PDB file of N, CA and C in Angstrom:
ATOM      1  N   MET A   1      34.757  48.156  -2.116  1.00  0.00           N
ATOM      2  CA  MET A   1      34.647  48.376  -1.307  1.00  0.00           C
ATOM      3  C   MET A   1      35.169  49.193   0.249  1.00  0.00           C
ATOM      4  N   SER A   2      34.154  48.647   1.224  1.00  0.00           N
ATOM      5  CA  SER A   2      34.466  49.797   2.134  1.00  0.00           C
ATOM      6  C   SER A   2      35.009  50.079   3.333  1.00  0.00           C
ATOM      7  N   LYS A   3      36.416  48.584   3.648  1.00  0.00           N
ATOM      8  CA  LYS A   3      37.223  48.024   4.452  1.00  0.00           C
ATOM      9  C   LYS A   3      38.523  49.159   3.926  1.00  0.00           C
ATOM     10  N   LYS A   4      38.864  50.444   4.869  1.00  0.00           N
ATOM     11  CA  LYS A   4      40.093  50.707   4.132  1.00  0.00           C
ATOM     12  C   LYS A   4      41.295  50.457   4.706  1.00  0.00           C
ATOM     13  N   SER A   5      42.248  50.217   3.802  1.00  0.00           N
ATOM     14  CA  SER A   5      43.355  49.825   3.937  1.00  0.00           C
ATOM     15  C   SER A   5      44.286  50.625   4.847  1.00  0.00           C
ATOM     16  N   GLY A   6      44.521  49.418   6.027  1.00  0.00           N
ATOM     17  CA  GLY A   6      45.655  49.749   7.011  1.00  0.00           C
ATOM     18  C   GLY A   6      47.287  50.272   6.905  1.00  0.00           C
ATOM     19  N   THR A   7      47.653  49.746   5.445  1.00  0.00           N
ATOM     20  CA  THR A   7      49.008  50.151   5.244  1.00  0.00           C
ATOM     21  C   THR A   7      49.105  51.091   4.623  1.00  0.00           C
ATOM     22  N   ASP A   8      50.548  52.044   5.738  1.00  0.00           N
ATOM     23  CA  ASP A   8      50.847  53.472   5.105  1.00  0.00           C
ATOM     24  C   ASP A   8      51.598  53.232   3.555  1.00  0.00           C
ATOM     25  N   TRP A   9      51.039  54.041   2.744  1.00  0.00           N
ATOM     26  CA  TRP A   9      51.313  53.339   1.593  1.00  0.00           C
ATOM     27  C   TRP A   9      52.491  54.715   1.415  1.00  0.00           C
ATOM     28  N   LYS A  10      52.251  55.589   1.672  1.00  0.00           N
ATOM     29  CA  LYS A  10      52.988  56.362   1.469  1.00  0.00           C
ATOM     30  C   LYS A  10      54.400  56.441   2.454  1.00  0.00           C
ATOM     31  N   ARG A  11      54.144  55.783   3.519  1.00  0.00           N
ATOM     32  CA  ARG A  11      55.673  55.518   4.098  1.00  0.00           C
ATOM     33  C   ARG A  11      56.611  54.360   3.102  1.00  0.00           C
ATOM     34  N   LEU A  12      55.798  53.620   2.653  1.00  0.00           N
ATOM     35  CA  LEU A  12      56.208  52.574   1.701  1.00  0.00           C
ATOM     36  C   LEU A  12      57.098  52.263   0.739  1.00  0.00           C
ATOM     37  N   ALA A  13      56.444  54.328   0.083  1.00  0.00           N
ATOM     38  CA  ALA A  13      56.974  54.362  -0.752  1.00  0.00           C
ATOM     39  C   ALA A  13      57.708  54.677  -0.807  1.00  0.00           C
ATOM     40  N   ARG A  14      58.538  55.329   0.419  1.00  0.00           N
ATOM     41  CA  ARG A  14      59.500  56.470   0.578  1.00  0.00           C
ATOM     42  C   ARG A  14      60.382  55.620   0.772  1.00  0.00           C
ATOM     43  N   MET A  15      60.487  53.908   1.534  1.00  0.00           N
ATOM     44  CA  MET A  15      61.403  52.711   1.146  1.00  0.00           C
ATOM     45  C   MET A  15      62.172  52.375   0.421  1.00  0.00           C
ATOM     46  N   THR A  16      63.441  52.264   0.797  1.00  0.00           N
ATOM     47  CA  THR A  16      64.596  51.804  -0.434  1.00  0.00           C
ATOM     48  C   THR A  16      64.516  50.573   0.148  1.00  0.00           C
ATOM     49  N   ASP A  17      65.303  49.364  -0.737  1.00  0.00           N
ATOM     50  CA  ASP A  17      65.808  48.250   0.098  1.00  0.00           C
ATOM     51  C   ASP A  17      66.313  47.477   1.072  1.00  0.00           C
ATOM     52  N   SER A  18      67.218  48.529   1.630  1.00  0.00           N
ATOM     53  CA  SER A  18      68.071  48.468   2.971  1.00  0.00           C
ATOM     54  C   SER A  18      67.528  48.941   3.771  1.00  0.00           C
ATOM     55  N   ASP A  19      66.200  49.790   4.186  1.00  0.00           N
ATOM     56  CA  ASP A  19      64.970  49.943   4.967  1.00  0.00           C
ATOM     57  C   ASP A  19      64.291  48.513   5.746  1.00  0.00           C
ATOM     58  N   ILE A  20      64.474  46.893   4.399  1.00  0.00           N
ATOM     59  CA  ILE A  20      63.471  46.153   5.314  1.00  0.00           C
ATOM     60  C   ILE A  20      63.799  45.259   5.742  1.00  0.00           C
ATOM     61  N   ASP A  21      63.839  45.182   6.726  1.00  0.00           N
ATOM     62  CA  ASP A  21      63.943  44.069   7.802  1.00  0.00           C
ATOM     63  C   ASP A  21      63.967  42.761   7.273  1.00  0.00           C
ATOM     64  N   TYR A  22      65.205  42.093   7.439  1.00  0.00           N
ATOM     65  CA  TYR A  22      64.930  40.314   6.619  1.00  0.00           C
ATOM     66  C   TYR A  22      65.346  39.570   7.380  1.00  0.00           C
ATOM     67  N   SER A  23      65.785  40.279   8.555  1.00  0.00           N
ATOM     68  CA  SER A  23      66.433  39.227   9.796  1.00  0.00           C
ATOM     69  C   SER A  23      65.792  38.240  10.090  1.00  0.00           C
ATOM     70  N   ASP A  24      64.050  37.747   9.911  1.00  0.00           N
ATOM     71  CA  ASP A  24      63.267  36.626  10.100  1.00  0.00           C
ATOM     72  C   ASP A  24      63.556  35.524   8.405  1.00  0.00           C
ATOM     73  N   VAL A  25      64.259  35.752   7.706  1.00  0.00           N
ATOM     74  CA  VAL A  25      64.350  35.390   6.000  1.00  0.00           C
ATOM     75  C   VAL A  25      65.913  34.525   6.317  1.00  0.00           C
ATOM     76  N   PRO A  26      66.042  32.909   5.989  1.00  0.00           N
ATOM     77  CA  PRO A  26      67.070  32.748   6.072  1.00  0.00           C
ATOM     78  C   PRO A  26      68.098  33.351   4.782  1.00  0.00           C
ATOM     79  N   LYS A  27      68.680  33.754   4.140  1.00  0.00           N
ATOM     80  CA  LYS A  27      69.820  33.294   3.134  1.00  0.00           C
ATOM     81  C   LYS A  27      69.786  32.553   2.064  1.00  0.00           C
ATOM     82  N   LEU A  28      69.213  32.409   0.951  1.00  0.00           N
ATOM     83  CA  LEU A  28      69.023  31.349  -0.211  1.00  0.00           C
ATOM     84  C   LEU A  28      70.161  31.461  -0.733  1.00  0.00           C
ATOM     85  N   ASP A  29      71.286  29.986  -0.335  1.00  0.00           N
ATOM     86  CA  ASP A  29      72.495  29.860  -1.364  1.00  0.00           C
ATOM     87  C   ASP A  29      72.436  29.138  -2.285  1.00  0.00           C
ATOM     88  N   ASP A  30      73.527  29.070  -3.166  1.00  0.00           N
ATOM     89  CA  ASP A  30      73.378  27.927  -4.341  1.00  0.00           C
ATOM     90  C   ASP A  30      73.301  26.634  -3.821  1.00  0.00           C
ATOM     91  N   ALA A  31      73.429  26.287  -2.879  1.00  0.00           N
ATOM     92  CA  ALA A  31      72.931  24.711  -2.276  1.00  0.00           C
ATOM     93  C   ALA A  31      71.515  24.744  -2.508  1.00  0.00           C
ATOM     94  N   PHE A  32      70.771  25.765  -2.513  1.00  0.00           N
ATOM     95  CA  PHE A  32      68.872  25.710  -2.413  1.00  0.00           C
ATOM     96  C   PHE A  32      69.092  25.459  -3.263  1.00  0.00           C
ATOM     97  N   PHE A  33      69.136  26.200  -4.728  1.00  0.00           N
ATOM     98  CA  PHE A  33      68.979  26.083  -5.205  1.00  0.00           C
ATOM     99  C   PHE A  33      69.450  25.239  -6.609  1.00  0.00           C
ATOM    100  N   GLU A  34      70.305  24.636  -6.272  1.00  0.00           N
ATOM    101  CA  GLU A  34      70.804  23.233  -6.443  1.00  0.00           C
ATOM    102  C   GLU A  34      69.820  22.015  -6.608  1.00  0.00           C
ATOM    103  N   GLN A  35      69.052  22.514  -5.183  1.00  0.00           N
ATOM    104  CA  GLN A  35      68.007  21.034  -4.288  1.00  0.00           C
ATOM    105  C   GLN A  35      66.509  21.631  -4.998  1.00  0.00           C
ATOM    106  N   ALA A  36      66.407  22.716  -5.376  1.00  0.00           N
ATOM    107  CA  ALA A  36      65.074  22.868  -5.077  1.00  0.00           C
ATOM    108  C   ALA A  36      64.247  22.943  -6.194  1.00  0.00           C
ATOM    109  N   GLU A  37      63.213  22.807  -6.433  1.00  0.00           N
ATOM    110  CA  GLU A  37      62.334  21.909  -7.849  1.00  0.00           C
ATOM    111  C   GLU A  37      61.178  22.804  -7.880  1.00  0.00           C
ATOM    112  N   LEU A  38      60.653  22.605  -8.816  1.00  0.00           N
ATOM    113  CA  LEU A  38      59.442  24.199  -9.080  1.00  0.00           C
ATOM    114  C   LEU A  38      58.064  22.667  -9.397  1.00  0.00           C
ATOM    115  N   HIS A  39      56.877  23.455  -8.794  1.00  0.00           N
ATOM    116  CA  HIS A  39      55.992  22.409  -9.120  1.00  0.00           C
ATOM    117  C   HIS A  39      55.071  23.299  -9.508  1.00  0.00           C
ATOM    118  N   VAL A  40      54.368  23.239 -10.223  1.00  0.00           N
ATOM    119  CA  VAL A  40      53.301  23.849 -10.943  1.00  0.00           C
ATOM    120  C   VAL A  40      52.110  23.029 -11.172  1.00  0.00           C
ATOM    121  N   PRO A  41      50.985  23.496 -10.749  1.00  0.00           N
ATOM    122  CA  PRO A  41      50.369  22.307 -10.711  1.00  0.00           C
ATOM    123  C   PRO A  41      49.075  23.091 -12.102  1.00  0.00           C
ATOM    124  N   LEU A  42      48.555  22.106 -11.993  1.00  0.00           N
ATOM    125  CA  LEU A  42      47.988  21.160 -13.377  1.00  0.00           C
ATOM    126  C   LEU A  42      46.517  22.906 -13.720  1.00  0.00           C
ATOM    127  N   LYS A  43      46.184  22.813 -14.747  1.00  0.00           N
ATOM    128  CA  LYS A  43      44.722  23.875 -14.312  1.00  0.00           C
ATOM    129  C   LYS A  43      44.398  23.069 -15.136  1.00  0.00           C
ATOM    130  N   GLN A  44      42.719  23.681 -13.906  1.00  0.00           N
ATOM    131  CA  GLN A  44      41.642  22.440 -15.107  1.00  0.00           C
ATOM    132  C   GLN A  44      40.845  23.436 -15.350  1.00  0.00           C
ATOM    133  N   PRO A  45      40.157  23.349 -17.480  1.00  0.00           N
ATOM    134  CA  PRO A  45      38.995  24.433 -17.462  1.00  0.00           C
ATOM    135  C   PRO A  45      37.803  24.569 -16.981  1.00  0.00           C
ATOM    136  N   ILE A  46      37.171  25.119 -16.676  1.00  0.00           N
ATOM    137  CA  ILE A  46      36.110  25.083 -16.808  1.00  0.00           C
ATOM    138  C   ILE A  46      35.117  25.523 -17.655  1.00  0.00           C
ATOM    139  N   THR A  47      33.379  25.833 -16.784  1.00  0.00           N
ATOM    140  CA  THR A  47      32.291  26.198 -17.701  1.00  0.00           C
ATOM    141  C   THR A  47      31.519  26.950 -16.759  1.00  0.00           C
ATOM    142  N   MET A  48      30.930  27.960 -17.264  1.00  0.00           N
ATOM    143  CA  MET A  48      30.628  28.721 -16.499  1.00  0.00           C
ATOM    144  C   MET A  48      29.106  29.348 -16.608  1.00  0.00           C
ATOM    145  N   ARG A  49      28.231  29.628 -16.660  1.00  0.00           N
ATOM    146  CA  ARG A  49      27.005  30.236 -17.287  1.00  0.00           C
ATOM    147  C   ARG A  49      26.370  31.304 -16.413  1.00  0.00           C
ATOM    148  N   LEU A  50      26.498  32.343 -16.811  1.00  0.00           N
ATOM    149  CA  LEU A  50      26.025  33.720 -16.260  1.00  0.00           C
ATOM    150  C   LEU A  50      24.976  34.135 -17.140  1.00  0.00           C
ATOM    151  N   ASP A  51      24.203  35.214 -16.556  1.00  0.00           N
ATOM    152  CA  ASP A  51      23.141  35.748 -16.866  1.00  0.00           C
ATOM    153  C   ASP A  51      23.948  36.656 -17.437  1.00  0.00           C
ATOM    154  N   ALA A  52      22.867  36.932 -18.965  1.00  0.00           N
ATOM    155  CA  ALA A  52      23.397  38.297 -19.618  1.00  0.00           C
ATOM    156  C   ALA A  52      23.594  40.340 -18.800  1.00  0.00           C
ATOM    157  N   ASP A  53      23.364  40.144 -17.696  1.00  0.00           N
ATOM    158  CA  ASP A  53      23.252  41.607 -17.231  1.00  0.00           C
ATOM    159  C   ASP A  53      24.481  41.482 -16.209  1.00  0.00           C
ATOM    160  N   VAL A  54      24.894  39.341 -15.258  1.00  0.00           N
ATOM    161  CA  VAL A  54      26.153  39.804 -14.950  1.00  0.00           C
ATOM    162  C   VAL A  54      26.893  40.239 -15.608  1.00  0.00           C
ATOM    163  N   THR A  55      27.115  40.188 -17.186  1.00  0.00           N
ATOM    164  CA  THR A  55      28.307  39.573 -17.613  1.00  0.00           C
ATOM    165  C   THR A  55      28.625  41.620 -18.440  1.00  0.00           C
ATOM    166  N   GLU A  56      27.253  41.928 -18.822  1.00  0.00           N
ATOM    167  CA  GLU A  56      27.142  43.325 -18.975  1.00  0.00           C
ATOM    168  C   GLU A  56      27.846  44.021 -17.729  1.00  0.00           C
TER     169      GLU A  56
END
């Protein structure tokens, strides 16, 4: 990967949960979770043929 990440990983590692700004994320209360539904997509099996040099 030639593109350098723009993330300041050292600053991020120093952050605590209280440093995170959640002002644009609504709080989810019990009423939300009472009506929430879990949708798990079906998995599709596939077959792929690769040259031996690719798998090595």
